């Protein structure tokens, strides 16, 4: 167990990637199913969470039960982004040029001005309520937790690290909200006078952030081409629309069911309590 401010080499890392609403549910379902079958990945020494993975990663790093996400999906009729915004994000990020992140940041600002996304305070509050419901706390864990986000104005990534006292001074729900702030889907989040957007804009799954560990398991619900060692969905159907609240239950159950065949890729860890 590390002490904040003291860096040690982790034995195991769990990297949780982006995937929108269904990715959050699928990741939680897979972790819950693996744990019930004897492979408890949530005991990893280092947890890296990006976007959807930041939500689940923070919860389990704080000692939360991934199965608790089953009943924590969006309420019926929950606000969802206009698909046209998502298409524009995709066009920007897949287009040529080196200023894609800057243009994505401009789109984020445009979405805010148009009222297409909820206020950042509302997103932070929602993340706080979800984290408290699943983990019973909104404080940073004592476990090593890395959550990336990207500066809207500069396109420069920042990795929030729970071993760093500067990071620990920032409310964890705000950092989670920043890492999930995909332009057009959620507003940029202001932290220490800078505004941040989705951590997936740094490097997708951000699997490299787990490279310092001796053993690394990557769960990537929404990736495109992936490393064959990563755990990815067998069925892409629940991920057709990353902003669809109705996909939550189906995605969670798909993840839980896939645990039966996913264990071979996931290193076995003994179950123990960590906070």
Protein backbone atom coordinates (compact mmCIF):
# COMPACT_ATOMS: atom_id res chain seq x y z
CA UNK A 1 0.00 0.00 0.00
CA UNK A 2 1.44 3.36 -0.97
CA UNK A 3 1.43 6.57 0.99
CA UNK A 4 0.45 9.72 -0.94
CA UNK A 5 3.55 11.33 -2.37
CA UNK A 6 5.58 8.09 -2.28
CA UNK A 7 6.12 6.35 -5.64
CA UNK A 8 6.51 2.59 -5.72
CA UNK A 9 6.56 0.10 -8.60
CA UNK A 10 3.15 -1.60 -8.76
CA UNK A 11 2.93 -5.35 -9.25
CA UNK A 12 -0.39 -5.18 -11.11
CA UNK A 13 -2.27 -2.57 -13.13
CA UNK A 14 -5.90 -2.49 -14.25
CA UNK A 15 -6.52 -0.16 -17.21
CA UNK A 16 -10.16 0.74 -17.92
CA UNK A 17 -10.89 2.48 -21.21
CA UNK A 18 -13.62 4.76 -22.61
CA UNK A 19 -17.00 3.68 -23.93
CA UNK A 20 -19.77 6.11 -23.07
CA UNK A 21 -22.78 4.99 -21.04
CA UNK A 22 -22.81 1.39 -22.29
CA UNK A 23 -19.04 1.15 -21.77
CA UNK A 24 -19.44 2.14 -18.13
CA UNK A 25 -22.08 -0.53 -17.58
CA UNK A 26 -20.26 -3.25 -19.55
CA UNK A 27 -16.99 -2.67 -17.71
CA UNK A 28 -18.72 -2.85 -14.33
CA UNK A 29 -20.58 -6.01 -15.35
CA UNK A 30 -17.40 -7.69 -16.56
CA UNK A 31 -15.52 -6.85 -13.34
CA UNK A 32 -18.43 -8.11 -11.23
CA UNK A 33 -18.69 -11.33 -13.22
CA UNK A 34 -14.95 -12.01 -13.09
CA UNK A 35 -14.88 -11.40 -9.35
CA UNK A 36 -17.74 -13.83 -8.78
CA UNK A 37 -15.80 -16.46 -10.76
CA UNK A 38 -12.68 -15.93 -8.63
CA UNK A 39 -10.72 -13.36 -10.65
CA UNK A 40 -10.84 -10.08 -8.76
CA UNK A 41 -9.18 -7.45 -10.92
CA UNK A 42 -10.35 -4.66 -8.64
CA UNK A 43 -7.51 -5.46 -6.21
CA UNK A 44 -4.89 -4.15 -8.66
CA UNK A 45 -2.14 -2.00 -7.15
CA UNK A 46 -2.54 0.62 -9.91
CA UNK A 47 -5.84 1.55 -11.56
CA UNK A 48 -5.96 3.69 -14.70
CA UNK A 49 -9.38 5.00 -15.70
CA UNK A 50 -10.27 7.01 -18.80
CA UNK A 51 -13.72 8.51 -19.44
CA UNK A 52 -16.17 5.65 -18.74
CA UNK A 53 -13.23 3.83 -17.19
CA UNK A 54 -12.61 6.78 -14.87
CA UNK A 55 -16.08 6.33 -13.38
CA UNK A 56 -15.71 2.60 -12.74
CA UNK A 57 -12.01 2.83 -11.91
CA UNK A 58 -12.50 5.50 -9.26
CA UNK A 59 -15.37 3.56 -7.69
CA UNK A 60 -13.48 0.28 -7.38
CA UNK A 61 -10.26 2.02 -6.30
CA UNK A 62 -12.32 3.50 -3.45
CA UNK A 63 -13.49 0.02 -2.45
CA UNK A 64 -16.82 0.06 -4.29
CA UNK A 65 -18.57 -3.06 -5.57
CA UNK A 66 -18.78 -3.07 -9.39
CA UNK A 67 -22.07 -4.97 -9.13
CA UNK A 68 -23.60 -1.84 -7.60
CA UNK A 69 -23.52 -0.22 -11.04
CA UNK A 70 -26.28 -2.55 -12.24
CA UNK A 71 -28.91 -0.44 -10.51
CA UNK A 72 -27.22 2.92 -11.15
CA UNK A 73 -28.04 3.49 -14.78
CA UNK A 74 -29.50 6.75 -16.11
CA UNK A 75 -33.11 7.42 -15.20
CA UNK A 76 -35.73 6.93 -17.92
CA UNK A 77 -35.96 10.03 -20.03
CA UNK A 78 -32.49 11.19 -19.05
CA UNK A 79 -31.03 13.92 -21.21
CA UNK A 80 -28.90 12.66 -24.07
CA UNK A 81 -26.71 14.46 -26.63
CA UNK A 82 -27.87 15.22 -30.15
CA UNK A 83 -26.33 12.59 -32.49
CA UNK A 84 -25.25 15.39 -34.82
CA UNK A 85 -22.77 16.62 -32.18
CA UNK A 86 -21.28 13.13 -31.90
CA UNK A 87 -20.87 12.94 -35.68
CA UNK A 88 -19.04 16.25 -35.68
CA UNK A 89 -16.70 15.06 -32.94
CA UNK A 90 -15.93 11.96 -34.99
CA UNK A 91 -15.25 14.02 -38.11
CA UNK A 92 -12.89 16.34 -36.25
CA UNK A 93 -10.93 13.56 -34.58
CA UNK A 94 -10.63 11.44 -37.72
CA UNK A 95 -9.69 14.35 -39.97
CA UNK A 96 -6.21 15.44 -41.05
CA UNK A 97 -4.00 17.97 -39.34
CA UNK A 98 -2.29 18.39 -36.03
CA UNK A 99 -4.84 20.78 -34.50
CA UNK A 100 -7.60 18.21 -34.02
CA UNK A 101 -7.61 18.60 -30.25
CA UNK A 102 -7.85 22.38 -30.55
CA UNK A 103 -10.81 22.05 -32.90
CA UNK A 104 -12.40 19.52 -30.54
CA UNK A 105 -12.02 22.09 -27.77
CA UNK A 106 -13.73 24.70 -29.95
CA UNK A 107 -16.60 22.28 -30.51
CA UNK A 108 -16.84 21.76 -26.75
CA UNK A 109 -17.24 25.51 -26.28
CA UNK A 110 -19.79 25.68 -29.09
CA UNK A 111 -21.87 22.95 -27.42
CA UNK A 112 -21.85 24.91 -24.16
CA UNK A 113 -22.92 28.15 -25.88
CA UNK A 114 -25.71 26.33 -27.71
CA UNK A 115 -27.05 24.83 -24.49
CA UNK A 116 -26.52 21.36 -25.95
CA UNK A 117 -24.94 20.04 -22.75
CA UNK A 118 -25.79 20.39 -19.07
CA UNK A 119 -23.83 22.80 -16.84
CA UNK A 120 -20.50 21.53 -15.53
CA UNK A 121 -21.67 21.87 -11.93
CA UNK A 122 -24.51 19.45 -12.65
CA UNK A 123 -22.11 16.89 -14.12
CA UNK A 124 -19.78 17.10 -11.13
CA UNK A 125 -22.71 16.70 -8.74
CA UNK A 126 -23.95 13.67 -10.67
CA UNK A 127 -20.52 12.06 -10.54
CA UNK A 128 -20.32 12.73 -6.79
CA UNK A 129 -23.69 11.10 -6.17
CA UNK A 130 -22.78 8.05 -8.26
CA UNK A 131 -19.40 7.61 -6.59
CA UNK A 132 -20.91 7.96 -3.12
CA UNK A 133 -23.68 5.47 -3.97
CA UNK A 134 -21.26 2.82 -5.27
CA UNK A 135 -18.24 3.38 -3.00
CA UNK A 136 -19.63 5.22 0.00
CA UNK A 137 -17.14 8.08 -0.40
CA UNK A 138 -16.11 10.85 -2.78
CA UNK A 139 -12.56 11.16 -1.43
CA UNK A 140 -9.45 10.08 -3.29
CA UNK A 141 -8.47 6.49 -2.47
CA UNK A 142 -5.20 5.54 -0.84
CA UNK A 143 -4.66 3.18 -3.76
CA UNK A 144 -2.77 4.48 -6.84
CA UNK A 145 -5.31 5.89 -9.31
CA UNK A 146 -4.51 7.68 -12.58
CA UNK A 147 -7.16 9.62 -14.51
CA UNK A 148 -6.20 11.51 -17.69
CA UNK A 149 -7.91 14.58 -19.15
CA UNK A 150 -6.97 17.07 -21.88
CA UNK A 151 -6.67 20.87 -21.62
CA UNK A 152 -9.32 22.45 -23.87
CA UNK A 153 -7.25 25.49 -24.85
CA UNK A 154 -3.87 23.86 -25.41
CA UNK A 155 -4.67 20.21 -26.18
CA UNK A 156 -2.04 19.23 -23.61
CA UNK A 157 -2.93 16.16 -21.54
CA UNK A 158 -2.84 16.08 -17.77
CA UNK A 159 -2.77 12.86 -15.80
CA UNK A 160 -4.30 13.27 -12.35
CA UNK A 161 -2.37 11.00 -10.00
CA UNK A 162 -3.65 10.09 -6.53
CA UNK A 163 -0.08 9.88 -5.24
CA UNK A 164 0.33 13.60 -5.92
CA UNK A 165 -0.78 16.04 -3.23
CA UNK A 166 -1.71 18.64 -5.87
CA UNK A 167 -4.09 16.15 -7.45
CA UNK A 168 -5.55 15.16 -4.10
CA UNK A 169 -6.46 18.80 -3.47
CA UNK A 170 -8.87 18.61 -6.43
CA UNK A 171 -12.25 16.96 -5.73
CA UNK A 172 -12.29 13.47 -7.23
CA UNK A 173 -15.78 13.90 -8.77
CA UNK A 174 -14.50 16.94 -10.70
CA UNK A 175 -11.60 14.93 -12.12
CA UNK A 176 -13.94 12.10 -13.13
CA UNK A 177 -16.24 14.64 -14.79
CA UNK A 178 -13.28 16.13 -16.67
CA UNK A 179 -12.16 12.75 -17.97
CA UNK A 180 -15.69 12.04 -19.26
CA UNK A 181 -16.19 15.44 -20.90
CA UNK A 182 -16.36 14.42 -24.55
CA UNK A 183 -17.02 17.50 -26.70
CA UNK A 184 -20.69 17.67 -27.69
CA UNK A 185 -21.69 15.18 -24.99
CA UNK A 186 -20.60 16.99 -21.81
CA UNK A 187 -19.16 20.40 -20.91
CA UNK A 188 -15.48 21.05 -20.21
CA UNK A 189 -14.72 20.95 -16.48
CA UNK A 190 -12.83 23.78 -14.80
CA UNK A 191 -10.01 22.70 -12.49
CA UNK A 192 -7.54 25.19 -11.02
CA UNK A 193 -8.49 27.79 -13.63
CA UNK A 194 -7.99 25.45 -16.60
CA UNK A 195 -10.76 23.68 -18.51
CA UNK A 196 -10.45 19.99 -19.32
CA UNK A 197 -12.14 17.56 -21.69
CA UNK A 198 -12.29 13.81 -22.17
CA UNK A 199 -9.16 11.82 -21.33
CA UNK A 200 -9.73 9.56 -24.34
CA UNK A 201 -8.49 12.45 -26.48
CA UNK A 202 -5.03 11.87 -25.02
CA UNK A 203 -4.52 8.35 -26.38
CA UNK A 204 -7.78 6.42 -26.47
CA UNK A 205 -7.56 3.70 -23.83
CA UNK A 206 -4.33 5.21 -22.46
CA UNK A 207 -2.93 1.74 -21.91
CA UNK A 208 0.59 3.17 -21.69
CA UNK A 209 -0.22 4.61 -18.27
CA UNK A 210 -0.21 1.08 -16.87
CA UNK A 211 3.16 0.13 -18.34
CA UNK A 212 5.06 0.67 -15.10
CA UNK A 213 3.37 -2.35 -13.52
CA UNK A 214 4.82 -5.83 -13.85
CA UNK A 215 1.42 -7.22 -14.92
CA UNK A 216 -1.21 -5.23 -16.80
CA UNK A 217 -4.83 -6.05 -17.67
CA UNK A 218 -6.63 -3.78 -20.13
CA UNK A 219 -10.41 -3.61 -20.42
CA UNK A 220 -11.42 -1.65 -23.50
CA UNK A 221 -15.17 -1.48 -24.18
CA UNK A 222 -14.93 0.88 -27.16
CA UNK A 223 -11.66 0.98 -29.03
CA UNK A 224 -11.67 0.11 -32.71
CA UNK A 225 -8.59 -2.03 -33.47
CA UNK A 226 -7.22 -3.38 -30.21
CA UNK A 227 -4.35 -5.38 -28.82
CA UNK A 228 -5.46 -9.05 -28.81
CA UNK A 229 -4.58 -9.32 -25.12
CA UNK A 230 -7.15 -6.68 -24.18
CA UNK A 231 -10.59 -7.59 -22.89
CA UNK A 232 -13.11 -6.20 -25.41
CA UNK A 233 -16.83 -6.86 -25.95
CA UNK A 234 -17.85 -9.99 -27.82
CA UNK A 235 -21.05 -8.29 -28.94
CA UNK A 236 -20.81 -4.72 -30.26
CA UNK A 237 -24.60 -4.21 -30.36
CA UNK A 238 -24.95 -2.35 -27.02
CA UNK A 239 -22.28 0.13 -28.11
CA UNK A 240 -23.96 1.37 -31.29
CA UNK A 241 -24.82 4.65 -29.54
CA UNK A 242 -22.44 5.61 -26.70
CA UNK A 243 -24.94 8.18 -25.42
CA UNK A 244 -27.95 5.84 -25.21
CA UNK A 245 -29.24 5.55 -21.61
CA UNK A 246 -31.45 2.60 -22.63
CA UNK A 247 -28.37 0.47 -23.39
CA UNK A 248 -27.24 0.40 -19.74
CA UNK A 249 -28.88 -2.82 -18.57
CA UNK A 250 -28.12 -4.79 -21.72
CA UNK A 251 -24.47 -3.68 -21.65
CA UNK A 252 -24.06 -4.55 -17.96
CA UNK A 253 -25.51 -8.02 -18.48
CA UNK A 254 -23.37 -8.54 -21.60
CA UNK A 255 -20.25 -7.74 -19.59
CA UNK A 256 -21.25 -10.03 -16.76
CA UNK A 257 -21.98 -12.88 -19.17
CA UNK A 258 -18.66 -12.43 -20.98
CA UNK A 259 -16.78 -13.00 -17.72
CA UNK A 260 -17.21 -16.74 -18.22
CA UNK A 261 -14.87 -16.67 -21.22
CA UNK A 262 -12.73 -13.64 -20.31
CA UNK A 263 -10.95 -15.13 -17.31
CA UNK A 264 -8.15 -16.63 -19.41
CA UNK A 265 -6.95 -13.12 -20.31
CA UNK A 266 -7.21 -11.76 -16.76
CA UNK A 267 -4.50 -12.51 -14.18
CA UNK A 268 -5.89 -14.09 -11.01
CA UNK A 269 -5.54 -12.07 -7.81
CA UNK A 270 -6.55 -13.18 -4.32
CA UNK A 271 -9.55 -11.29 -2.97
CA UNK A 272 -8.73 -8.77 -0.28
CA UNK A 273 -9.99 -5.44 1.01
CA UNK A 274 -8.23 -2.33 -0.27
CA UNK A 275 -9.10 1.35 0.16
